[in-house]
């Protein structure tokens, strides 16, 4: 069951966290539009090697990433950013970008989107995490048509697979 709508009773107040399984990773929504007056969302990602976002762009949000542990390769426009622990990457609105977790031990990183709203996209396509672990193999990934339809609703354009993973 996807989290298409989260009632106000289910939303966490500031200081509490909401964990979901999304695209093979454990995502924890640390802050959302509901508790930042729509200004920003902060989402911690814990992902195994191989997790990747499709190449996409946001019509509204800027996204920035801070790698806490592991290694992630970001592509932002024509720039490829090899990012280990302590590295920062920025994806401005209207610029195609993606990431691929390529550290042997996976990676943990923060994603910040400004203004808030990206958390709605993630909630709609994710599964509530029943434990703070990586998702079990039985957790289904959203289908490409489902992901594209929800992305359009949130002003996100999915452009294809990450460079190098397209076949």
C-alpha atoms as a PDB file:
ATOM      1  CA  UNK A   1       0.000   0.000   0.000  1.00  0.00           C
ATOM      2  CA  UNK A   2       1.448   3.347  -1.029  1.00  0.00           C
ATOM      3  CA  UNK A   3       1.180   6.405   1.185  1.00  0.00           C
ATOM      4  CA  UNK A   4      -0.931   8.473  -1.195  1.00  0.00           C
ATOM      5  CA  UNK A   5      -2.418  10.597   1.566  1.00  0.00           C
ATOM      6  CA  UNK A   6      -1.145  11.066   5.082  1.00  0.00           C
ATOM      7  CA  UNK A   7      -3.721  12.520   7.450  1.00  0.00           C
ATOM      8  CA  UNK A   8      -2.805  15.271   9.878  1.00  0.00           C
ATOM      9  CA  UNK A   9      -3.016  12.680  12.675  1.00  0.00           C
ATOM     10  CA  UNK A  10      -0.343  10.586  10.925  1.00  0.00           C
ATOM     11  CA  UNK A  11       2.053  13.482  10.244  1.00  0.00           C
ATOM     12  CA  UNK A  12       4.878  13.824  12.703  1.00  0.00           C
ATOM     13  CA  UNK A  13       5.424  17.072  14.611  1.00  0.00           C
ATOM     14  CA  UNK A  14       8.802  18.777  14.468  1.00  0.00           C
ATOM     15  CA  UNK A  15      11.441  16.574  16.068  1.00  0.00           C
ATOM     16  CA  UNK A  16       9.760  13.303  15.138  1.00  0.00           C
ATOM     17  CA  UNK A  17      10.562  11.346  12.016  1.00  0.00           C
ATOM     18  CA  UNK A  18       8.692   9.535   9.282  1.00  0.00           C
ATOM     19  CA  UNK A  19      10.479   6.575   7.686  1.00  0.00           C
ATOM     20  CA  UNK A  20       9.575   5.104   4.293  1.00  0.00           C
ATOM     21  CA  UNK A  21      11.009   2.605   1.850  1.00  0.00           C
ATOM     22  CA  UNK A  22      11.538   4.178  -1.575  1.00  0.00           C
ATOM     23  CA  UNK A  23      13.430   2.963  -4.649  1.00  0.00           C
ATOM     24  CA  UNK A  24      15.424   0.427  -2.652  1.00  0.00           C
ATOM     25  CA  UNK A  25      16.445   2.723   0.193  1.00  0.00           C
ATOM     26  CA  UNK A  26      15.341   3.737   3.664  1.00  0.00           C
ATOM     27  CA  UNK A  27      14.332   7.395   3.663  1.00  0.00           C
ATOM     28  CA  UNK A  28      13.634   9.325   6.840  1.00  0.00           C
ATOM     29  CA  UNK A  29      11.786  12.617   6.488  1.00  0.00           C
ATOM     30  CA  UNK A  30      13.528  14.802   9.051  1.00  0.00           C
ATOM     31  CA  UNK A  31      11.619  17.984   8.211  1.00  0.00           C
ATOM     32  CA  UNK A  32       8.716  18.618   5.858  1.00  0.00           C
ATOM     33  CA  UNK A  33       6.637  21.478   4.556  1.00  0.00           C
ATOM     34  CA  UNK A  34       4.153  20.801   7.328  1.00  0.00           C
ATOM     35  CA  UNK A  35       6.654  21.835   9.995  1.00  0.00           C
ATOM     36  CA  UNK A  36       8.765  24.379   8.058  1.00  0.00           C
ATOM     37  CA  UNK A  37       5.954  26.587   6.757  1.00  0.00           C
ATOM     38  CA  UNK A  38       6.518  25.113   3.294  1.00  0.00           C
ATOM     39  CA  UNK A  39      10.075  26.396   3.141  1.00  0.00           C
ATOM     40  CA  UNK A  40      12.161  23.221   3.064  1.00  0.00           C
ATOM     41  CA  UNK A  41      12.154  19.459   3.396  1.00  0.00           C
ATOM     42  CA  UNK A  42      15.091  17.429   4.670  1.00  0.00           C
ATOM     43  CA  UNK A  43      15.269  13.720   3.909  1.00  0.00           C
ATOM     44  CA  UNK A  44      17.963  11.323   5.076  1.00  0.00           C
ATOM     45  CA  UNK A  45      18.703   8.522   2.613  1.00  0.00           C
ATOM     46  CA  UNK A  46      20.304   5.214   3.597  1.00  0.00           C
ATOM     47  CA  UNK A  47      20.864   3.248   0.404  1.00  0.00           C
ATOM     48  CA  UNK A  48      22.753   0.171  -0.707  1.00  0.00           C
ATOM     49  CA  UNK A  49      25.116   0.205  -3.656  1.00  0.00           C
ATOM     50  CA  UNK A  50      23.227   0.486  -6.947  1.00  0.00           C
ATOM     51  CA  UNK A  51      20.328   2.652  -5.788  1.00  0.00           C
ATOM     52  CA  UNK A  52      19.822   5.455  -8.296  1.00  0.00           C
ATOM     53  CA  UNK A  53      17.355   8.206  -9.069  1.00  0.00           C
ATOM     54  CA  UNK A  54      16.146   8.516 -12.633  1.00  0.00           C
ATOM     55  CA  UNK A  55      17.533  11.468 -14.554  1.00  0.00           C
ATOM     56  CA  UNK A  56      15.022  14.206 -13.815  1.00  0.00           C
ATOM     57  CA  UNK A  57      14.476  17.909 -13.305  1.00  0.00           C
ATOM     58  CA  UNK A  58      12.317  19.891 -10.945  1.00  0.00           C
ATOM     59  CA  UNK A  59      10.231  22.804 -12.145  1.00  0.00           C
ATOM     60  CA  UNK A  60      10.205  24.483  -8.684  1.00  0.00           C
ATOM     61  CA  UNK A  61      12.615  22.961  -6.210  1.00  0.00           C
ATOM     62  CA  UNK A  62      16.323  23.260  -5.855  1.00  0.00           C
ATOM     63  CA  UNK A  63      17.867  20.135  -4.367  1.00  0.00           C
ATOM     64  CA  UNK A  64      21.104  19.855  -2.516  1.00  0.00           C
ATOM     65  CA  UNK A  65      22.831  16.802  -1.177  1.00  0.00           C
ATOM     66  CA  UNK A  66      25.349  16.249   1.603  1.00  0.00           C
ATOM     67  CA  UNK A  67      27.061  12.856   1.764  1.00  0.00           C
ATOM     68  CA  UNK A  68      27.474  11.673   5.360  1.00  0.00           C
ATOM     69  CA  UNK A  69      28.920   8.195   4.696  1.00  0.00           C
ATOM     70  CA  UNK A  70      29.816   6.181   1.628  1.00  0.00           C
ATOM     71  CA  UNK A  71      30.091   7.355  -1.951  1.00  0.00           C
ATOM     72  CA  UNK A  72      27.565   8.769  -4.413  1.00  0.00           C
ATOM     73  CA  UNK A  73      28.104   9.990  -7.963  1.00  0.00           C
ATOM     74  CA  UNK A  74      25.889  12.926  -8.914  1.00  0.00           C
ATOM     75  CA  UNK A  75      25.299  14.172 -12.428  1.00  0.00           C
ATOM     76  CA  UNK A  76      24.042  17.758 -12.590  1.00  0.00           C
ATOM     77  CA  UNK A  77      23.643  19.045 -16.125  1.00  0.00           C
ATOM     78  CA  UNK A  78      26.940  18.119 -17.808  1.00  0.00           C
ATOM     79  CA  UNK A  79      28.914  17.980 -14.550  1.00  0.00           C
ATOM     80  CA  UNK A  80      29.754  14.664 -12.860  1.00  0.00           C
ATOM     81  CA  UNK A  81      30.465  14.980  -9.134  1.00  0.00           C
ATOM     82  CA  UNK A  82      32.226  12.118  -7.373  1.00  0.00           C
ATOM     83  CA  UNK A  83      31.134  12.590  -3.763  1.00  0.00           C
ATOM     84  CA  UNK A  84      32.506  10.849  -0.687  1.00  0.00           C
ATOM     85  CA  UNK A  85      31.762  11.607   2.950  1.00  0.00           C
ATOM     86  CA  UNK A  86      31.620  15.354   3.553  1.00  0.00           C
ATOM     87  CA  UNK A  87      30.916  16.258  -0.087  1.00  0.00           C
ATOM     88  CA  UNK A  88      28.141  18.551  -1.285  1.00  0.00           C
ATOM     89  CA  UNK A  89      26.235  18.610  -4.596  1.00  0.00           C
ATOM     90  CA  UNK A  90      23.602  21.092  -5.789  1.00  0.00           C
ATOM     91  CA  UNK A  91      20.832  20.539  -8.333  1.00  0.00           C
ATOM     92  CA  UNK A  92      19.156  23.822  -9.321  1.00  0.00           C
ATOM     93  CA  UNK A  93      15.592  23.938 -10.636  1.00  0.00           C
ATOM     94  CA  UNK A  94      15.209  23.238 -14.360  1.00  0.00           C
ATOM     95  CA  UNK A  95      18.582  21.437 -14.581  1.00  0.00           C
ATOM     96  CA  UNK A  96      18.600  17.669 -15.199  1.00  0.00           C
ATOM     97  CA  UNK A  97      20.263  15.744 -12.400  1.00  0.00           C
ATOM     98  CA  UNK A  98      20.549  12.288 -10.872  1.00  0.00           C
ATOM     99  CA  UNK A  99      22.567  10.247  -8.427  1.00  0.00           C
ATOM    100  CA  UNK A 100      23.914   6.711  -8.234  1.00  0.00           C
ATOM    101  CA  UNK A 101      25.044   5.149  -4.946  1.00  0.00           C
ATOM    102  CA  UNK A 102      28.330   3.518  -5.911  1.00  0.00           C
ATOM    103  CA  UNK A 103      30.118   3.046  -2.597  1.00  0.00           C
ATOM    104  CA  UNK A 104      30.818  -0.591  -1.768  1.00  0.00           C
ATOM    105  CA  UNK A 105      29.079  -0.193   1.592  1.00  0.00           C
ATOM    106  CA  UNK A 106      26.243   1.943   0.185  1.00  0.00           C
ATOM    107  CA  UNK A 107      25.770   5.512   1.349  1.00  0.00           C
ATOM    108  CA  UNK A 108      23.985   7.761   3.785  1.00  0.00           C
ATOM    109  CA  UNK A 109      23.224  11.278   2.610  1.00  0.00           C
ATOM    110  CA  UNK A 110      20.905  14.171   3.238  1.00  0.00           C
ATOM    111  CA  UNK A 111      18.704  15.589   0.514  1.00  0.00           C
ATOM    112  CA  UNK A 112      17.304  19.068   1.071  1.00  0.00           C
ATOM    113  CA  UNK A 113      14.647  20.464  -1.261  1.00  0.00           C
ATOM    114  CA  UNK A 114      13.648  24.102  -1.249  1.00  0.00           C
ATOM    115  CA  UNK A 115      10.831  24.971  -1.262  1.00  0.00           C
ATOM    116  CA  UNK A 116       9.249  21.946   0.401  1.00  0.00           C
ATOM    117  CA  UNK A 117       6.963  19.645  -1.578  1.00  0.00           C
ATOM    118  CA  UNK A 118       9.243  16.847  -2.749  1.00  0.00           C
ATOM    119  CA  UNK A 119       8.234  14.868   0.333  1.00  0.00           C
ATOM    120  CA  UNK A 120       4.711  14.589  -1.154  1.00  0.00           C
ATOM    121  CA  UNK A 121       6.115  12.870  -4.241  1.00  0.00           C
ATOM    122  CA  UNK A 122       8.108  10.466  -2.068  1.00  0.00           C
ATOM    123  CA  UNK A 123       5.171   9.758   0.246  1.00  0.00           C
ATOM    124  CA  UNK A 124       2.900   8.992  -2.674  1.00  0.00           C
ATOM    125  CA  UNK A 125       5.282   6.426  -4.197  1.00  0.00           C
ATOM    126  CA  UNK A 126       6.774   4.895  -1.058  1.00  0.00           C
ATOM    127  CA  UNK A 127       5.813   2.255   1.457  1.00  0.00           C
ATOM    128  CA  UNK A 128       5.857   3.093   5.191  1.00  0.00           C
ATOM    129  CA  UNK A 129       8.925   1.456   6.741  1.00  0.00           C
ATOM    130  CA  UNK A 130       7.999  -1.060   9.407  1.00  0.00           C
ATOM    131  CA  UNK A 131      11.585  -1.009  10.719  1.00  0.00           C
ATOM    132  CA  UNK A 132      14.587   1.287  10.329  1.00  0.00           C
ATOM    133  CA  UNK A 133      16.273  -1.108   7.923  1.00  0.00           C
ATOM    134  CA  UNK A 134      16.722  -1.320   4.191  1.00  0.00           C
ATOM    135  CA  UNK A 135      13.536  -2.537   2.519  1.00  0.00           C
ATOM    136  CA  UNK A 136      13.035  -6.273   2.178  1.00  0.00           C
ATOM    137  CA  UNK A 137      13.033  -7.709  -1.335  1.00  0.00           C
ATOM    138  CA  UNK A 138       9.251  -8.081  -1.124  1.00  0.00           C
ATOM    139  CA  UNK A 139       8.731  -4.287  -1.212  1.00  0.00           C
ATOM    140  CA  UNK A 140       7.625  -3.422  -4.739  1.00  0.00           C
ATOM    141  CA  UNK A 141       9.143  -0.549  -6.663  1.00  0.00           C
ATOM    142  CA  UNK A 142       6.758   1.878  -8.340  1.00  0.00           C
ATOM    143  CA  UNK A 143       6.293   1.159 -12.021  1.00  0.00           C
ATOM    144  CA  UNK A 144       7.736   3.668 -14.512  1.00  0.00           C
ATOM    145  CA  UNK A 145       4.244   4.816 -15.645  1.00  0.00           C
ATOM    146  CA  UNK A 146       3.151   5.260 -12.022  1.00  0.00           C
ATOM    147  CA  UNK A 147       6.315   7.196 -11.189  1.00  0.00           C
ATOM    148  CA  UNK A 148       5.968   9.443 -14.239  1.00  0.00           C
ATOM    149  CA  UNK A 149       2.313  10.223 -13.464  1.00  0.00           C
ATOM    150  CA  UNK A 150       3.066  11.146  -9.863  1.00  0.00           C
ATOM    151  CA  UNK A 151       6.165  13.113 -10.914  1.00  0.00           C
ATOM    152  CA  UNK A 152       4.084  15.240 -13.282  1.00  0.00           C
ATOM    153  CA  UNK A 153       1.706  16.043 -10.440  1.00  0.00           C
ATOM    154  CA  UNK A 154       4.652  17.426  -8.424  1.00  0.00           C
ATOM    155  CA  UNK A 155       6.317  19.393 -11.239  1.00  0.00           C
ATOM    156  CA  UNK A 156       9.055  16.831 -11.804  1.00  0.00           C
ATOM    157  CA  UNK A 157      10.012  15.687 -15.289  1.00  0.00           C
ATOM    158  CA  UNK A 158      11.575  12.230 -15.517  1.00  0.00           C
ATOM    159  CA  UNK A 159      13.973  12.167 -18.461  1.00  0.00           C
ATOM    160  CA  UNK A 160      15.247   8.582 -18.344  1.00  0.00           C
ATOM    161  CA  UNK A 161      17.754   6.408 -16.527  1.00  0.00           C
ATOM    162  CA  UNK A 162      20.946   7.853 -15.072  1.00  0.00           C
ATOM    163  CA  UNK A 163      23.752   8.241 -17.638  1.00  0.00           C
ATOM    164  CA  UNK A 164      25.661   4.986 -17.931  1.00  0.00           C
ATOM    165  CA  UNK A 165      22.730   2.908 -16.650  1.00  0.00           C
ATOM    166  CA  UNK A 166      20.637   3.228 -19.783  1.00  0.00           C
ATOM    167  CA  UNK A 167      21.412  -0.107 -21.282  1.00  0.00           C
END
